[in-house]
N, C-alpha and C. Protein backbone atom coordinates (compact mmCIF):
# COMPACT_ATOMS: atom_id res chain seq x y z
N MET A 1 -14.58 5.52 -3.63
CA MET A 1 -13.78 6.70 -4.18
C MET A 1 -12.74 5.50 -5.26
N ILE A 2 -12.12 6.49 -6.43
CA ILE A 2 -11.65 5.10 -6.63
C ILE A 2 -9.86 5.54 -6.93
N GLU A 3 -9.28 4.42 -6.71
CA GLU A 3 -8.29 5.38 -5.72
C GLU A 3 -7.32 4.42 -7.45
N ARG A 4 -6.11 4.97 -7.77
CA ARG A 4 -5.12 5.24 -8.71
C ARG A 4 -3.34 4.70 -7.91
N GLU A 5 -2.91 3.90 -8.45
CA GLU A 5 -1.50 4.09 -7.85
C GLU A 5 -0.69 3.07 -8.21
N VAL A 6 0.31 3.40 -8.23
CA VAL A 6 1.67 2.44 -9.10
C VAL A 6 2.87 2.96 -7.41
N LYS A 7 3.56 1.77 -7.55
CA LYS A 7 5.14 1.61 -6.87
C LYS A 7 5.88 1.67 -7.42
N TYR A 8 7.29 2.23 -7.13
CA TYR A 8 8.63 1.90 -7.73
C TYR A 8 9.21 1.50 -6.50
N LEU A 9 10.10 -0.09 -6.73
CA LEU A 9 10.98 -0.36 -5.99
C LEU A 9 12.20 0.76 -5.79
N VAL A 10 13.08 1.40 -4.79
CA VAL A 10 13.70 2.13 -4.88
C VAL A 10 14.97 1.67 -3.87
N ASP A 11 15.98 2.06 -3.88
CA ASP A 11 17.69 1.47 -3.27
C ASP A 11 17.51 2.73 -1.70
N ASP A 12 17.03 3.71 -2.35
CA ASP A 12 17.62 5.36 -1.30
C ASP A 12 16.47 5.92 -1.17
N PHE A 13 15.65 6.65 -0.11
CA PHE A 13 14.26 7.11 -0.07
C PHE A 13 15.78 9.04 -0.95
N ASN A 14 16.46 9.35 0.23
CA ASN A 14 17.62 10.57 -0.01
C ASN A 14 17.26 11.33 -0.57
N PRO A 15 17.62 10.81 -1.82
CA PRO A 15 17.50 11.62 -3.75
C PRO A 15 15.93 12.47 -3.58
N TYR A 16 15.45 11.20 -3.32
CA TYR A 16 13.55 10.96 -3.49
C TYR A 16 13.49 12.42 -2.98
N ARG A 17 13.87 12.77 -1.53
CA ARG A 17 13.13 13.54 -0.78
C ARG A 17 13.97 14.85 -1.03
N GLU A 18 14.74 14.96 -1.43
CA GLU A 18 15.22 16.26 -2.39
C GLU A 18 14.58 16.53 -3.11
N ARG A 19 14.19 15.70 -4.41
CA ARG A 19 13.08 15.92 -5.35
C ARG A 19 11.82 16.22 -5.07
N LEU A 20 11.05 15.92 -3.99
CA LEU A 20 10.38 15.94 -3.56
C LEU A 20 10.29 17.52 -3.08
N SER A 21 11.23 17.85 -1.99
CA SER A 21 11.33 19.45 -1.50
C SER A 21 11.44 20.04 -2.38
N LYS A 22 12.26 20.34 -3.75
CA LYS A 22 12.63 20.88 -4.68
C LYS A 22 11.28 21.02 -5.50
N LEU A 23 9.96 20.12 -5.80
CA LEU A 23 8.84 20.14 -5.95
C LEU A 23 7.87 21.25 -5.26
N GLY A 24 8.16 21.35 -4.38
CA GLY A 24 7.38 21.87 -3.70
C GLY A 24 6.27 21.12 -2.46
N ALA A 25 6.46 19.71 -2.60
CA ALA A 25 5.25 18.71 -1.62
C ALA A 25 6.02 18.83 -0.67
N VAL A 26 4.25 18.94 0.54
CA VAL A 26 4.90 19.02 1.99
C VAL A 26 4.93 17.46 2.61
N LEU A 27 5.31 17.46 3.27
CA LEU A 27 5.62 16.18 4.31
C LEU A 27 3.86 16.53 4.92
N GLN A 28 3.22 15.04 5.00
CA GLN A 28 2.01 15.87 5.84
C GLN A 28 2.37 14.83 6.77
N SER A 29 2.94 14.10 7.15
CA SER A 29 3.14 12.99 8.43
C SER A 29 4.18 11.70 7.94
N SER A 30 4.15 11.37 9.02
CA SER A 30 5.21 10.26 9.35
C SER A 30 4.54 8.91 10.39
N PHE A 31 4.52 8.01 9.63
CA PHE A 31 4.29 6.92 10.87
C PHE A 31 5.05 5.34 10.67
N PHE A 32 4.51 4.95 11.70
CA PHE A 32 4.64 2.86 11.31
C PHE A 32 3.04 2.48 11.31
N GLU A 33 3.10 1.79 10.62
CA GLU A 33 1.69 0.69 9.94
C GLU A 33 1.76 -0.72 10.22
N ASP A 34 0.78 -0.97 10.88
CA ASP A 34 0.67 -2.56 11.15
C ASP A 34 -0.80 -2.79 10.24
N ASN A 35 -0.73 -3.81 9.66
CA ASN A 35 -1.55 -4.30 8.70
C ASN A 35 -2.15 -5.78 9.03
N ILE A 36 -3.44 -6.37 8.85
CA ILE A 36 -3.73 -6.94 9.30
C ILE A 36 -4.86 -7.38 7.71
N VAL A 37 -4.59 -8.36 6.67
CA VAL A 37 -5.37 -8.66 5.50
C VAL A 37 -6.54 -10.10 5.76
N PHE A 38 -7.56 -9.57 5.90
CA PHE A 38 -8.40 -11.16 5.92
C PHE A 38 -8.35 -11.33 4.77
N ASP A 39 -9.33 -12.41 4.73
CA ASP A 39 -9.90 -13.66 4.00
C ASP A 39 -11.04 -14.71 4.33
N ASP A 40 -11.83 -15.03 3.27
CA ASP A 40 -12.42 -16.18 4.21
C ASP A 40 -11.95 -17.68 3.94
N GLU A 41 -12.44 -19.05 4.34
CA GLU A 41 -11.63 -20.01 3.91
C GLU A 41 -11.08 -20.49 2.96
N GLY A 42 -12.23 -19.98 1.72
CA GLY A 42 -11.90 -20.75 0.69
C GLY A 42 -10.61 -19.58 0.08
N GLU A 43 -10.83 -18.69 0.28
CA GLU A 43 -9.78 -17.46 0.07
C GLU A 43 -10.29 -16.66 -0.94
N ASN A 44 -11.47 -16.52 -1.18
CA ASN A 44 -12.09 -15.89 -2.32
C ASN A 44 -12.32 -14.62 -2.94
N LEU A 45 -11.92 -13.55 -1.01
CA LEU A 45 -11.37 -12.06 -1.57
C LEU A 45 -9.80 -11.61 -2.37
N ARG A 46 -9.35 -13.24 -2.05
CA ARG A 46 -7.84 -12.91 -2.91
C ARG A 46 -7.98 -13.16 -4.19
N ARG A 47 -8.76 -14.46 -4.51
CA ARG A 47 -8.80 -15.19 -5.64
C ARG A 47 -9.55 -13.80 -6.56
N GLU A 48 -10.63 -13.19 -5.69
CA GLU A 48 -11.05 -11.99 -6.82
C GLU A 48 -10.35 -10.71 -6.57
N GLU A 49 -9.39 -10.89 -6.22
CA GLU A 49 -8.36 -9.50 -6.08
C GLU A 49 -9.33 -8.15 -4.91
N LYS A 50 -10.06 -8.58 -4.32
CA LYS A 50 -10.78 -7.96 -2.97
C LYS A 50 -9.69 -7.41 -2.51
N LEU A 51 -9.86 -6.60 -1.30
CA LEU A 51 -9.04 -7.09 0.06
C LEU A 51 -9.75 -5.89 0.88
N LEU A 52 -9.75 -6.85 2.27
CA LEU A 52 -10.46 -6.40 3.63
C LEU A 52 -9.29 -6.26 4.16
N ARG A 53 -9.02 -4.79 4.66
CA ARG A 53 -7.90 -4.90 5.57
C ARG A 53 -8.42 -3.86 6.93
N LEU A 54 -7.46 -4.16 7.92
CA LEU A 54 -7.34 -3.14 9.12
C LEU A 54 -6.44 -3.11 9.29
N ARG A 55 -6.37 -1.83 9.51
CA ARG A 55 -5.17 -1.28 9.75
C ARG A 55 -4.61 -0.11 11.05
N LYS A 56 -3.70 0.00 11.29
CA LYS A 56 -3.07 0.76 12.63
C LYS A 56 -1.82 1.59 12.51
N SER A 57 -1.99 3.05 12.39
CA SER A 57 -1.06 3.83 12.50
C SER A 57 -1.37 5.17 13.44
N ASN A 58 -1.33 6.22 13.04
CA ASN A 58 -1.61 6.98 13.98
C ASN A 58 -3.57 7.29 13.89
N THR A 59 -4.15 6.57 13.01
CA THR A 59 -5.46 6.18 13.62
C THR A 59 -5.54 4.42 13.08
N VAL A 60 -6.60 4.14 13.14
CA VAL A 60 -7.81 2.87 12.79
C VAL A 60 -8.44 2.91 11.96
N THR A 61 -8.47 2.12 10.67
CA THR A 61 -9.21 2.05 10.06
C THR A 61 -9.56 0.66 9.00
N ILE A 62 -10.86 0.83 8.65
CA ILE A 62 -10.54 -1.00 8.08
C ILE A 62 -10.94 -0.56 6.83
N THR A 63 -10.51 -1.10 5.49
CA THR A 63 -10.46 -0.85 4.47
C THR A 63 -11.50 -2.26 3.55
N PHE A 64 -11.66 -2.07 2.29
CA PHE A 64 -12.50 -2.78 1.48
C PHE A 64 -11.82 -1.94 0.09
N LYS A 65 -11.38 -2.97 -0.59
CA LYS A 65 -11.36 -2.28 -1.68
C LYS A 65 -11.38 -3.55 -3.08
N GLU A 66 -11.85 -3.24 -3.97
CA GLU A 66 -12.15 -4.12 -4.98
C GLU A 66 -11.58 -3.96 -6.29
N PRO A 67 -11.14 -4.92 -7.44
CA PRO A 67 -10.81 -4.09 -8.31
C PRO A 67 -11.42 -3.19 -9.35
N VAL A 68 -11.21 -2.63 -9.73
CA VAL A 68 -11.89 -1.45 -11.49
C VAL A 68 -11.16 -2.35 -12.55
N ASP A 69 -9.44 -1.43 -12.53
CA ASP A 69 -8.68 -1.54 -13.71
C ASP A 69 -7.52 -2.11 -12.89
N ARG A 70 -6.21 -3.12 -13.76
CA ARG A 70 -4.77 -3.31 -13.09
C ARG A 70 -4.36 -3.25 -15.51
N THR A 71 -3.99 -2.00 -15.13
CA THR A 71 -3.03 -2.08 -16.29
C THR A 71 -1.63 -1.27 -15.54
N ARG A 72 -0.79 -0.92 -15.66
CA ARG A 72 0.29 0.20 -15.86
C ARG A 72 -0.38 0.56 -13.87
N PHE A 73 -1.27 0.69 -13.42
CA PHE A 73 -1.37 1.21 -12.16
C PHE A 73 -2.37 0.23 -11.95
N LYS A 74 -2.66 0.00 -10.42
CA LYS A 74 -3.54 -0.83 -10.10
C LYS A 74 -5.26 0.68 -9.89
N ILE A 75 -6.08 0.10 -10.20
CA ILE A 75 -7.37 0.98 -10.08
C ILE A 75 -7.96 0.57 -9.18
N MET A 76 -8.30 0.40 -8.14
CA MET A 76 -9.05 0.08 -7.16
C MET A 76 -10.43 0.98 -6.68
N GLU A 77 -11.93 0.27 -6.19
CA GLU A 77 -12.92 1.09 -5.64
C GLU A 77 -12.50 1.30 -4.36
N GLU A 78 -12.47 1.96 -3.67
CA GLU A 78 -11.94 1.81 -2.10
C GLU A 78 -12.94 2.11 -0.94
N HIS A 79 -12.88 1.72 0.22
CA HIS A 79 -14.24 2.26 0.71
C HIS A 79 -13.31 1.80 2.56
N GLU A 80 -13.49 3.04 3.06
CA GLU A 80 -12.90 3.03 4.06
C GLU A 80 -13.50 3.74 5.22
N ILE A 81 -13.10 3.48 6.55
CA ILE A 81 -13.91 4.11 7.48
C ILE A 81 -12.74 3.99 8.74
N GLU A 82 -12.98 5.10 9.67
CA GLU A 82 -11.78 5.35 10.54
C GLU A 82 -12.95 4.17 11.88
N VAL A 83 -11.90 3.36 12.84
CA VAL A 83 -12.71 2.94 13.72
C VAL A 83 -11.59 3.95 15.12
N SER A 84 -12.15 3.53 16.33
CA SER A 84 -11.91 3.32 17.73
C SER A 84 -10.80 2.82 18.18
N ASP A 85 -10.98 1.21 17.98
CA ASP A 85 -10.39 0.19 18.80
C ASP A 85 -9.84 -1.21 17.60
N PHE A 86 -8.58 -1.01 17.49
CA PHE A 86 -8.00 -1.71 16.58
C PHE A 86 -8.72 -3.37 17.16
N GLU A 87 -8.51 -3.78 18.26
CA GLU A 87 -8.45 -5.06 18.63
C GLU A 87 -10.57 -5.76 18.51
N GLU A 88 -11.37 -4.32 18.90
CA GLU A 88 -12.55 -4.91 18.74
C GLU A 88 -12.66 -4.61 17.58
N ALA A 89 -12.47 -4.27 16.58
CA ALA A 89 -12.22 -3.98 15.18
C ALA A 89 -11.83 -5.01 14.51
N GLU A 90 -11.11 -6.63 15.14
CA GLU A 90 -10.59 -7.16 14.55
C GLU A 90 -11.32 -8.54 15.13
N ARG A 91 -12.09 -8.09 16.41
CA ARG A 91 -12.96 -9.14 16.93
C ARG A 91 -14.50 -9.32 15.92
N ILE A 92 -14.99 -7.87 15.46
CA ILE A 92 -16.06 -8.21 14.77
C ILE A 92 -15.36 -8.70 13.26
N ILE A 93 -14.45 -8.42 12.76
CA ILE A 93 -14.47 -9.35 11.59
C ILE A 93 -14.17 -10.72 11.44
N THR A 94 -13.20 -11.44 12.49
CA THR A 94 -13.41 -12.60 12.47
C THR A 94 -14.60 -13.76 13.40
N SER A 95 -15.56 -12.55 13.98
CA SER A 95 -16.51 -12.88 14.20
C SER A 95 -17.44 -12.95 13.09
N LEU A 96 -17.28 -12.52 11.90
CA LEU A 96 -18.32 -12.45 10.47
C LEU A 96 -17.60 -13.60 9.73
N GLY A 97 -16.97 -14.48 10.80
CA GLY A 97 -16.17 -15.68 9.94
C GLY A 97 -14.92 -15.33 8.69
N PHE A 98 -13.99 -14.15 8.48
CA PHE A 98 -12.89 -14.12 8.20
C PHE A 98 -11.91 -14.12 8.83
N ARG A 99 -11.04 -14.66 8.75
CA ARG A 99 -9.56 -15.08 9.10
C ARG A 99 -8.16 -14.27 8.66
N LYS A 100 -7.34 -13.81 9.48
CA LYS A 100 -6.37 -13.84 9.09
C LYS A 100 -5.48 -14.03 7.90
N ALA A 101 -5.24 -13.24 6.70
CA ALA A 101 -4.81 -14.43 6.24
C ALA A 101 -3.54 -13.48 5.74
N PHE A 102 -2.80 -12.44 6.43
CA PHE A 102 -1.33 -11.79 5.85
C PHE A 102 -1.46 -10.50 6.77
N ARG A 103 -0.57 -10.60 7.43
CA ARG A 103 -0.24 -9.23 8.03
C ARG A 103 1.29 -8.68 8.00
N TYR A 104 1.48 -7.43 7.96
CA TYR A 104 2.02 -6.30 7.07
C TYR A 104 2.28 -5.04 7.79
N GLN A 105 3.65 -4.89 8.35
CA GLN A 105 4.29 -3.72 8.26
C GLN A 105 4.76 -3.13 7.86
N LYS A 106 4.99 -1.27 7.41
CA LYS A 106 5.69 -0.42 6.83
C LYS A 106 5.80 0.52 7.73
N ARG A 107 6.65 1.39 7.49
CA ARG A 107 6.94 2.60 7.92
C ARG A 107 6.93 3.65 6.46
N ARG A 108 6.27 4.41 7.13
CA ARG A 108 5.41 5.75 5.40
C ARG A 108 5.22 7.02 5.98
N GLU A 109 6.86 8.09 5.29
CA GLU A 109 5.76 9.03 4.85
C GLU A 109 5.53 9.88 4.21
N VAL A 110 4.62 10.59 4.49
CA VAL A 110 3.68 10.79 3.37
C VAL A 110 3.95 12.18 2.55
N PHE A 111 3.74 12.59 1.17
CA PHE A 111 3.76 13.60 0.87
C PHE A 111 2.79 14.14 0.01
N ILE A 112 2.69 15.06 0.02
CA ILE A 112 1.60 15.71 -0.89
C ILE A 112 2.20 16.69 -2.02
N SER A 113 1.49 16.50 -3.31
CA SER A 113 2.11 17.56 -3.91
C SER A 113 0.92 17.69 -5.21
N ASP A 114 0.11 19.04 -4.87
CA ASP A 114 -1.09 19.21 -5.86
C ASP A 114 -1.75 18.14 -5.82
N GLY A 115 -2.60 18.16 -4.62
CA GLY A 115 -3.55 16.70 -4.70
C GLY A 115 -3.33 15.26 -4.52
N THR A 116 -1.70 15.03 -5.19
CA THR A 116 -1.62 13.75 -5.41
C THR A 116 -1.25 13.43 -3.94
N HIS A 117 -1.31 12.05 -3.68
CA HIS A 117 -0.11 11.46 -2.38
C HIS A 117 1.04 10.76 -2.84
N ILE A 118 2.23 10.80 -2.53
CA ILE A 118 3.64 10.25 -2.63
C ILE A 118 4.09 9.40 -1.22
N LEU A 119 4.29 8.76 -1.42
CA LEU A 119 4.05 7.68 0.03
C LEU A 119 5.84 6.74 -0.27
N LEU A 120 6.31 7.46 1.17
CA LEU A 120 8.11 6.52 0.70
C LEU A 120 7.74 5.71 1.71
N ASP A 121 7.21 3.93 1.26
CA ASP A 121 7.20 3.00 2.22
C ASP A 121 8.90 2.32 2.85
N GLU A 122 8.72 2.36 3.59
CA GLU A 122 10.18 1.28 4.20
C GLU A 122 9.47 0.17 4.43
N THR A 123 9.93 -0.69 4.03
CA THR A 123 9.06 -2.53 4.36
C THR A 123 10.24 -3.06 5.07
N PRO A 124 10.12 -4.60 5.54
CA PRO A 124 11.16 -5.77 5.60
C PRO A 124 11.76 -6.09 3.91
N ILE A 125 11.11 -6.28 2.79
CA ILE A 125 11.24 -6.45 1.56
C ILE A 125 12.00 -4.93 0.58
N GLY A 126 12.12 -4.05 1.31
CA GLY A 126 12.52 -2.92 -0.01
C GLY A 126 11.82 -1.53 0.60
N ASN A 127 12.65 -0.42 0.13
CA ASN A 127 11.85 0.86 0.14
C ASN A 127 11.04 0.78 -1.81
N TYR A 128 10.10 1.10 -1.18
CA TYR A 128 8.52 1.87 -2.62
C TYR A 128 8.05 2.99 -1.99
N ILE A 129 8.41 3.31 -3.60
CA ILE A 129 7.32 4.73 -3.43
C ILE A 129 6.39 4.85 -4.70
N GLU A 130 5.58 5.03 -3.70
CA GLU A 130 3.80 4.74 -4.00
C GLU A 130 3.36 6.04 -4.46
N ILE A 131 2.92 6.34 -5.57
CA ILE A 131 2.06 7.27 -5.59
C ILE A 131 0.75 7.35 -6.14
N GLU A 132 -0.41 7.94 -5.74
CA GLU A 132 -1.52 8.54 -5.43
C GLU A 132 -2.28 9.01 -5.71
N GLY A 133 -2.86 9.27 -7.48
CA GLY A 133 -3.89 10.34 -7.38
C GLY A 133 -4.44 10.09 -9.01
N GLU A 134 -4.41 11.12 -9.76
CA GLU A 134 -5.22 11.05 -11.15
C GLU A 134 -4.08 10.17 -12.22
N GLU A 135 -3.96 9.59 -13.56
CA GLU A 135 -3.38 9.23 -14.08
C GLU A 135 -2.10 10.23 -14.44
N ASP A 136 -2.16 10.89 -15.35
CA ASP A 136 -1.48 12.09 -15.68
C ASP A 136 -0.44 12.26 -14.91
N ARG A 137 -1.23 12.52 -13.60
CA ARG A 137 -0.24 13.29 -12.72
C ARG A 137 0.57 12.72 -11.88
N ILE A 138 0.02 11.29 -11.85
CA ILE A 138 0.85 10.01 -11.72
C ILE A 138 2.23 9.52 -12.74
N LEU A 139 2.18 9.97 -13.97
CA LEU A 139 3.29 10.20 -14.35
C LEU A 139 4.24 11.14 -14.43
N GLU A 140 3.32 11.96 -13.74
CA GLU A 140 4.47 13.52 -14.75
C GLU A 140 5.31 13.19 -13.47
N LEU A 141 4.65 13.34 -12.35
CA LEU A 141 5.13 13.11 -10.62
C LEU A 141 6.50 11.83 -10.91
N SER A 142 6.03 10.92 -11.00
CA SER A 142 7.25 9.82 -11.60
C SER A 142 8.52 10.36 -12.46
N GLU A 143 8.45 11.00 -13.72
CA GLU A 143 9.21 11.64 -14.55
C GLU A 143 9.43 12.84 -13.65
N GLN A 144 9.41 13.26 -12.58
CA GLN A 144 9.83 14.47 -12.47
C GLN A 144 10.78 14.09 -10.72
N LEU A 145 10.06 12.88 -10.44
CA LEU A 145 11.15 12.48 -9.81
C LEU A 145 12.34 11.39 -9.97
N GLY A 146 12.62 11.29 -11.50
CA GLY A 146 13.50 10.60 -12.33
C GLY A 146 12.76 8.81 -12.54
N LEU A 147 11.82 8.47 -11.65
CA LEU A 147 11.16 7.22 -11.57
C LEU A 147 10.73 6.83 -12.95
N GLN A 148 11.11 5.79 -13.16
CA GLN A 148 10.74 5.22 -15.09
C GLN A 148 9.48 4.75 -15.10
N PRO A 149 8.30 5.37 -15.64
CA PRO A 149 7.11 5.03 -15.37
C PRO A 149 7.02 3.94 -16.45
N ASP A 150 7.58 3.10 -17.19
CA ASP A 150 7.63 1.58 -17.43
C ASP A 150 8.00 1.02 -16.37
N ARG A 151 8.84 0.97 -15.41
CA ARG A 151 9.35 0.33 -14.25
C ARG A 151 8.26 0.40 -13.11
N GLY A 152 7.19 0.99 -12.99
CA GLY A 152 5.68 0.88 -12.42
C GLY A 152 5.70 -0.46 -11.77
N ILE A 153 4.74 -0.78 -10.62
CA ILE A 153 4.59 -1.99 -10.49
C ILE A 153 3.08 -1.60 -9.75
N SER A 154 2.21 -2.45 -10.23
CA SER A 154 1.11 -2.24 -9.51
C SER A 154 0.36 -3.32 -8.20
N LYS A 155 0.95 -4.05 -8.41
CA LYS A 155 1.08 -5.58 -7.29
C LYS A 155 0.97 -4.61 -6.00
N ASN A 156 0.05 -5.07 -4.92
CA ASN A 156 -0.15 -5.15 -3.37
C ASN A 156 1.00 -6.07 -2.68
N TYR A 157 1.19 -5.03 -1.68
CA TYR A 157 2.43 -5.93 -0.87
C TYR A 157 2.17 -7.53 -0.42
N MET A 158 1.68 -7.85 -0.20
CA MET A 158 0.97 -9.65 -0.13
C MET A 158 1.84 -10.19 -1.35
N GLU A 159 1.30 -9.55 -2.67
CA GLU A 159 1.88 -10.33 -4.14
C GLU A 159 3.01 -9.85 -4.02
N LEU A 160 3.55 -8.75 -3.35
CA LEU A 160 5.22 -8.29 -3.64
C LEU A 160 5.88 -9.42 -2.43
N TYR A 161 5.60 -9.53 -1.73
CA TYR A 161 6.49 -10.03 -0.06
C TYR A 161 6.11 -11.62 -0.85
N TRP A 162 5.27 -12.34 -1.73
CA TRP A 162 4.86 -13.83 -2.30
C TRP A 162 6.52 -13.93 -2.96
N GLU A 163 6.06 -13.11 -3.98
CA GLU A 163 7.25 -13.04 -4.90
C GLU A 163 8.75 -13.02 -4.16
N TYR A 164 9.37 -12.49 -3.74
CA TYR A 164 10.02 -12.31 -2.39
C TYR A 164 10.88 -13.08 -2.06
N CYS A 165 9.76 -13.65 -1.21
CA CYS A 165 10.14 -14.97 -0.98
C CYS A 165 10.07 -15.92 -1.92
N ALA A 166 9.44 -16.05 -2.91
CA ALA A 166 9.87 -17.39 -3.80
C ALA A 166 11.55 -17.31 -4.44
N GLN A 167 11.47 -16.06 -4.68
CA GLN A 167 12.64 -15.75 -5.18
C GLN A 167 14.23 -16.00 -4.06
N LYS A 168 13.70 -15.99 -3.33
CA LYS A 168 14.87 -16.04 -2.05
C LYS A 168 14.51 -17.75 -0.91
N GLY A 169 13.49 -18.54 -1.97
CA GLY A 169 13.79 -19.86 -1.44
C GLY A 169 12.95 -19.51 0.08
N MET A 170 12.28 -18.68 0.57
CA MET A 170 11.60 -18.72 1.48
C MET A 170 10.34 -19.14 1.61
N LYS A 171 9.58 -19.65 2.75
CA LYS A 171 8.28 -20.03 3.00
C LYS A 171 7.45 -18.68 3.72
N PRO A 172 6.24 -18.03 3.08
CA PRO A 172 5.81 -16.80 3.48
C PRO A 172 5.02 -16.78 4.27
N THR A 173 4.84 -16.06 4.92
CA THR A 173 4.88 -15.94 6.27
C THR A 173 3.72 -14.53 6.48
N ASP A 174 4.51 -13.81 7.90
CA ASP A 174 3.91 -11.97 7.75
C ASP A 174 5.14 -11.67 6.75
N MET A 175 5.39 -9.99 6.42
CA MET A 175 5.52 -9.46 6.14
C MET A 175 5.78 -8.63 7.38
N LEU A 176 6.83 -9.06 8.47
CA LEU A 176 7.19 -7.98 9.69
C LEU A 176 8.37 -7.62 9.56
N PHE A 177 8.96 -6.85 10.48
CA PHE A 177 10.10 -5.76 10.74
C PHE A 177 10.72 -6.65 12.05
């Protein structure tokens, strides 16, 4: 599946929740996520902008993403499968020669509007609204929510965290609450 997304850094989610409600968006779920990003010793996945992730939220998933394009949007080919056991999945991945490269956490609210996902992500480095869907719909929803499309972010949370640490003069570790 091709995933198209853009993120926006915001101060407060409340005005956006109100706008989403007025637009008829439906809150589908709300949960805490714990994510582990894996790479090989040479960090080849990161260099090729690929992602191997194990995620634990209300489900456990293994995801592999590889870039298709990165312009104003992050466009990735995404393959994802649900698994039953987080710890066992982590053991399988590490047994294949991958190691934990980065761990990050967030609290997420998932809204849906006409097949487009609007994700409110509270992270240790700020609040992000992520919109996933078709490009035209992403732009339309961005404007309807009062977000400026030219301020959209196509970086992943690892890249955002490393930038945050560089700005703060901190050594990057994991992005945890």
